[in-house]
N, C-alpha and C. Protein backbone atom coordinates (compact mmCIF):
# COMPACT_ATOMS: atom_id res chain seq x y z
N MET A 1 -16.74 31.33 6.43
CA MET A 1 -16.84 29.71 6.85
C MET A 1 -15.82 29.44 7.74
N SER A 2 -15.59 29.61 9.22
CA SER A 2 -14.54 29.78 10.16
C SER A 2 -14.52 29.11 11.77
N ILE A 3 -13.86 28.15 12.04
CA ILE A 3 -14.16 27.64 12.30
C ILE A 3 -13.33 28.66 14.65
N THR A 4 -13.53 28.65 15.26
CA THR A 4 -14.49 28.62 16.67
C THR A 4 -13.02 28.06 17.46
N GLN A 5 -13.04 28.04 18.19
CA GLN A 5 -11.32 28.18 19.76
C GLN A 5 -12.56 26.92 20.60
N ASP A 6 -13.94 27.23 20.36
CA ASP A 6 -14.83 26.55 21.16
C ASP A 6 -15.14 25.67 20.38
N GLN A 7 -15.30 25.74 19.11
CA GLN A 7 -15.40 23.97 18.08
C GLN A 7 -14.82 23.84 18.29
N ILE A 8 -12.89 24.09 18.50
CA ILE A 8 -12.42 22.83 18.75
C ILE A 8 -12.55 22.37 19.87
N LYS A 9 -13.05 23.26 21.25
CA LYS A 9 -13.04 22.27 22.48
C LYS A 9 -13.35 21.67 23.07
N HIS A 10 -14.51 21.52 21.44
CA HIS A 10 -15.91 20.90 21.91
C HIS A 10 -15.04 18.94 20.10
N LEU A 11 -13.98 19.69 19.57
CA LEU A 11 -13.93 18.57 18.84
C LEU A 11 -12.84 17.43 20.34
N ALA A 12 -12.13 18.49 20.89
CA ALA A 12 -11.17 18.06 21.30
C ALA A 12 -12.26 17.17 21.59
N LYS A 13 -13.20 17.27 23.18
CA LYS A 13 -13.58 16.74 24.35
C LYS A 13 -14.47 15.68 23.74
N LEU A 14 -14.19 15.51 22.36
CA LEU A 14 -15.40 14.31 21.75
C LEU A 14 -13.93 13.43 21.90
N SER A 15 -12.61 14.11 20.90
CA SER A 15 -12.00 13.15 21.09
C SER A 15 -10.63 12.85 21.93
N LYS A 16 -11.47 13.24 23.56
CA LYS A 16 -10.30 13.41 24.70
C LYS A 16 -9.22 13.32 24.88
N LEU A 17 -9.01 14.41 24.24
CA LEU A 17 -7.86 15.14 24.19
C LEU A 17 -8.17 16.63 24.42
N GLU A 18 -6.48 16.98 24.92
CA GLU A 18 -6.44 18.16 25.74
C GLU A 18 -5.41 19.13 25.19
N PHE A 19 -5.98 20.28 25.37
CA PHE A 19 -4.99 21.15 24.42
C PHE A 19 -5.24 22.25 25.44
N SER A 20 -3.77 23.27 25.40
CA SER A 20 -3.46 24.30 26.07
C SER A 20 -4.04 25.67 24.78
N GLU A 21 -4.73 26.62 26.08
CA GLU A 21 -4.07 27.85 24.69
C GLU A 21 -4.33 28.24 24.03
N GLU A 22 -2.60 27.56 23.60
CA GLU A 22 -1.51 28.14 22.44
C GLU A 22 -2.46 27.38 21.38
N GLU A 23 -2.11 26.17 21.86
CA GLU A 23 -2.66 24.98 20.84
C GLU A 23 -4.39 25.02 19.97
N LEU A 24 -4.77 26.05 20.93
CA LEU A 24 -6.17 26.04 20.70
C LEU A 24 -5.74 26.97 19.29
N GLU A 25 -5.03 28.26 19.76
CA GLU A 25 -5.14 29.05 18.30
C GLU A 25 -4.73 28.76 17.18
N LYS A 26 -3.34 28.16 17.69
CA LYS A 26 -2.33 27.10 16.10
C LYS A 26 -3.74 26.15 16.11
N PHE A 27 -4.71 25.31 16.36
CA PHE A 27 -5.15 24.77 15.24
C PHE A 27 -6.19 25.71 14.69
N ALA A 28 -7.29 26.94 15.62
CA ALA A 28 -7.82 27.11 14.76
C ALA A 28 -7.66 28.07 13.79
N LYS A 29 -6.22 28.72 13.95
CA LYS A 29 -5.95 28.99 12.35
C LYS A 29 -5.47 27.91 11.50
N ASP A 30 -4.87 26.37 12.01
CA ASP A 30 -4.71 25.58 10.96
C ASP A 30 -5.58 25.60 10.53
N PHE A 31 -6.85 24.65 11.22
CA PHE A 31 -8.05 24.97 10.00
C PHE A 31 -9.14 25.33 9.48
N ASN A 32 -8.71 26.46 9.96
CA ASN A 32 -9.56 27.90 9.25
C ASN A 32 -8.47 28.20 7.50
N SER A 33 -7.11 28.39 7.63
CA SER A 33 -6.24 28.05 6.37
C SER A 33 -6.47 26.65 5.40
N ILE A 34 -6.74 25.78 6.78
CA ILE A 34 -7.33 24.12 5.51
C ILE A 34 -8.83 25.13 4.75
N ILE A 35 -10.07 25.83 5.65
CA ILE A 35 -10.98 26.18 5.00
C ILE A 35 -11.16 27.08 3.66
N ASP A 36 -9.41 27.79 3.42
CA ASP A 36 -9.69 28.68 2.83
C ASP A 36 -9.52 28.41 2.59
N TYR A 37 -8.40 27.23 1.88
CA TYR A 37 -7.74 27.11 0.70
C TYR A 37 -9.22 25.57 0.37
N VAL A 38 -9.77 25.28 0.43
CA VAL A 38 -10.62 24.50 0.60
C VAL A 38 -11.66 25.44 -0.07
N GLY A 39 -11.77 26.35 0.72
CA GLY A 39 -13.13 27.17 -0.35
C GLY A 39 -12.53 28.02 -1.45
N LYS A 40 -11.17 27.80 -1.85
CA LYS A 40 -10.85 28.43 -3.31
C LYS A 40 -11.41 27.89 -4.51
N LEU A 41 -12.04 26.25 -4.50
CA LEU A 41 -11.73 25.52 -5.64
C LEU A 41 -14.02 26.33 -6.21
N ASN A 42 -14.62 26.91 -5.10
CA ASN A 42 -15.50 27.28 -4.95
C ASN A 42 -15.05 28.93 -6.52
N GLU A 43 -14.22 29.23 -6.67
CA GLU A 43 -14.27 30.53 -7.47
C GLU A 43 -13.40 30.04 -9.07
N ILE A 44 -13.03 28.30 -8.85
CA ILE A 44 -12.68 27.82 -10.63
C ILE A 44 -14.31 28.26 -11.22
N ASP A 45 -13.39 28.21 -12.50
CA ASP A 45 -14.52 28.38 -13.66
C ASP A 45 -14.48 27.17 -14.17
N ASN A 46 -15.73 26.50 -14.14
CA ASN A 46 -15.41 25.29 -14.16
C ASN A 46 -17.00 24.83 -15.46
N SER A 47 -17.32 25.72 -16.40
CA SER A 47 -18.21 25.60 -17.38
C SER A 47 -17.33 25.70 -18.00
N MET A 48 -16.36 24.54 -18.56
CA MET A 48 -15.50 24.30 -19.68
C MET A 48 -15.57 22.65 -19.56
N LEU A 49 -15.64 22.23 -18.24
CA LEU A 49 -16.40 20.49 -18.33
C LEU A 49 -17.59 19.86 -18.52
N GLU A 50 -17.44 18.33 -18.89
CA GLU A 50 -18.60 17.69 -19.17
C GLU A 50 -19.06 17.20 -17.58
N LYS A 51 -20.43 17.31 -18.03
CA LYS A 51 -21.42 16.06 -16.54
C LYS A 51 -20.68 15.13 -16.90
N VAL A 52 -20.55 14.74 -15.20
CA VAL A 52 -20.37 13.89 -14.94
C VAL A 52 -21.44 12.67 -14.49
N ARG A 53 -21.44 11.60 -15.29
CA ARG A 53 -22.74 11.04 -15.45
C ARG A 53 -21.93 9.61 -14.53
N SER A 54 -22.86 8.81 -13.29
CA SER A 54 -22.33 7.77 -13.36
C SER A 54 -22.54 6.52 -14.26
N ILE A 55 -23.80 6.54 -15.48
CA ILE A 55 -24.14 6.34 -16.35
C ILE A 55 -23.69 6.29 -17.76
N ASP A 56 -23.73 6.09 -18.48
CA ASP A 56 -23.18 6.26 -19.49
C ASP A 56 -24.86 6.00 -20.53
N VAL A 57 -25.18 6.41 -20.70
CA VAL A 57 -26.26 5.75 -21.60
C VAL A 57 -26.65 5.36 -22.92
N GLU A 58 -25.30 6.07 -23.24
CA GLU A 58 -25.47 5.44 -24.78
C GLU A 58 -24.14 4.23 -25.13
N ASN A 59 -23.47 4.34 -23.70
CA ASN A 59 -23.28 3.24 -24.64
C ASN A 59 -22.72 2.58 -22.09
N PRO A 60 -24.24 1.76 -22.46
CA PRO A 60 -24.12 0.98 -21.10
C PRO A 60 -23.18 -0.28 -21.16
N LEU A 61 -23.33 -0.44 -19.91
CA LEU A 61 -22.27 -1.58 -19.60
C LEU A 61 -22.73 -2.87 -19.73
N ILE A 62 -22.39 -3.60 -20.75
CA ILE A 62 -23.14 -4.94 -21.26
C ILE A 62 -22.24 -5.93 -20.13
N LEU A 63 -23.35 -6.78 -19.82
CA LEU A 63 -22.05 -7.62 -18.59
C LEU A 63 -22.04 -9.17 -19.68
N ARG A 64 -21.21 -10.21 -18.92
CA ARG A 64 -21.22 -11.16 -19.67
C ARG A 64 -22.01 -12.21 -18.76
N LYS A 65 -22.65 -12.82 -19.71
CA LYS A 65 -23.81 -14.26 -19.29
C LYS A 65 -22.76 -15.23 -18.68
N ASP A 66 -23.14 -15.62 -16.98
CA ASP A 66 -22.30 -16.68 -16.80
C ASP A 66 -22.51 -17.84 -16.90
N GLU A 67 -21.13 -18.46 -16.91
CA GLU A 67 -20.81 -19.38 -17.87
C GLU A 67 -20.71 -20.96 -16.18
N THR A 68 -20.57 -21.89 -15.89
CA THR A 68 -19.93 -22.82 -15.91
C THR A 68 -18.75 -23.02 -16.38
N VAL A 69 -17.84 -24.06 -16.19
CA VAL A 69 -16.59 -24.29 -16.49
C VAL A 69 -16.66 -26.34 -16.22
N GLU A 70 -15.64 -26.79 -17.35
CA GLU A 70 -16.18 -28.32 -16.97
C GLU A 70 -14.56 -28.18 -15.66
N LYS A 71 -15.55 -29.02 -14.47
CA LYS A 71 -14.57 -28.89 -13.76
C LYS A 71 -13.67 -30.43 -13.61
N LYS A 72 -12.76 -30.52 -13.60
CA LYS A 72 -11.71 -30.97 -14.16
C LYS A 72 -10.63 -32.13 -12.63
N GLU A 73 -10.62 -33.25 -12.62
CA GLU A 73 -9.89 -32.85 -10.90
C GLU A 73 -8.88 -33.95 -11.17
N PHE A 74 -8.03 -33.28 -10.33
CA PHE A 74 -6.25 -33.14 -10.64
C PHE A 74 -6.08 -34.25 -9.94
N THR A 75 -5.24 -34.93 -9.50
CA THR A 75 -4.25 -36.07 -8.43
C THR A 75 -3.37 -35.28 -8.47
N LYS A 76 -3.07 -36.72 -7.27
CA LYS A 76 -2.01 -35.20 -6.35
C LYS A 76 -0.46 -35.13 -7.05
N LYS A 77 -0.38 -36.57 -7.73
CA LYS A 77 0.71 -36.81 -8.91
C LYS A 77 1.03 -36.02 -9.08
N ASP A 78 -0.40 -35.17 -10.44
CA ASP A 78 -0.92 -34.34 -11.37
C ASP A 78 -0.07 -33.27 -10.44
N LEU A 79 -0.67 -32.52 -9.87
CA LEU A 79 -0.42 -31.04 -8.82
C LEU A 79 1.02 -30.98 -8.41
N LEU A 80 1.69 -32.68 -8.20
CA LEU A 80 3.40 -32.54 -8.26
C LEU A 80 4.17 -32.53 -9.49
N SER A 81 3.50 -33.25 -10.19
CA SER A 81 4.76 -32.95 -11.46
C SER A 81 4.72 -31.08 -11.94
N CYS A 82 4.28 -30.15 -11.34
CA CYS A 82 4.27 -29.20 -11.30
C CYS A 82 5.18 -28.33 -11.67
N THR A 83 6.29 -29.29 -10.34
CA THR A 83 7.24 -28.72 -9.37
C THR A 83 8.53 -28.69 -10.38
N GLN A 84 9.41 -27.53 -10.33
CA GLN A 84 10.84 -28.47 -10.98
C GLN A 84 11.70 -28.88 -9.64
N LYS A 85 11.48 -28.78 -8.19
CA LYS A 85 12.44 -28.99 -6.98
C LYS A 85 11.88 -30.56 -6.86
N PRO A 86 12.53 -31.06 -6.47
CA PRO A 86 11.94 -32.30 -5.97
C PRO A 86 11.18 -32.32 -4.63
N VAL A 87 10.52 -34.06 -4.86
CA VAL A 87 9.72 -34.21 -4.81
C VAL A 87 9.97 -35.40 -3.80
N ILE A 88 9.82 -35.74 -2.20
CA ILE A 88 10.22 -37.00 -1.57
C ILE A 88 9.18 -36.54 -0.54
N ASN A 89 8.47 -38.47 -0.32
CA ASN A 89 6.87 -38.23 0.13
C ASN A 89 6.19 -37.75 0.11
N ASP A 90 6.21 -36.84 -1.44
CA ASP A 90 4.85 -36.27 -2.29
C ASP A 90 5.02 -34.76 -1.67
N GLN A 91 5.64 -34.38 -1.33
CA GLN A 91 6.10 -33.02 -0.64
C GLN A 91 7.30 -32.23 -1.59
N ILE A 92 6.85 -31.68 -2.03
CA ILE A 92 7.92 -30.51 -2.40
C ILE A 92 9.77 -30.29 -1.99
N ALA A 93 10.13 -30.22 -1.85
CA ALA A 93 11.59 -30.22 -1.15
C ALA A 93 11.79 -29.19 -1.14
N LEU A 94 12.03 -28.35 -0.50
CA LEU A 94 13.19 -27.15 -0.34
C LEU A 94 14.72 -26.68 0.03
N GLY A 95 15.15 -26.10 -0.01
CA GLY A 95 16.53 -25.42 0.43
C GLY A 95 16.70 -25.73 1.25
N ASN A 96 17.47 -25.76 2.04
CA ASN A 96 17.76 -24.22 3.81
C ASN A 96 17.31 -22.86 3.39
N ILE A 97 16.28 -22.43 4.58
CA ILE A 97 15.16 -20.87 4.13
C ILE A 97 16.10 -20.40 5.41
N MET A 98 16.71 -21.11 5.90
CA MET A 98 17.08 -20.67 7.91
C MET A 98 18.33 -19.73 7.49
N ASN A 99 19.13 -19.90 5.75
CA ASN A 99 20.29 -19.16 5.87
C ASN A 99 19.79 -18.27 5.49
């Protein structure tokens, strides 16, 4: 399989790009080089590889049951008591962050 300059021109038109003749030749050469490289994957002996399955029949995925957790209500005081920073007017005081 190879890419022709006409196909490159068509892609350029779809992409609203313009290329010179030299650029078309370069792109055709580059595309064909990439296609040749990927084509080498067909030459690999993959007979030693196990078949890939998306579902493992022997060990199916076991889902856990959804359970609700008891809802705990927190007060503002409970939440603010978790900080080590000083609390002023129910807000966590930060140092000067502009330095």
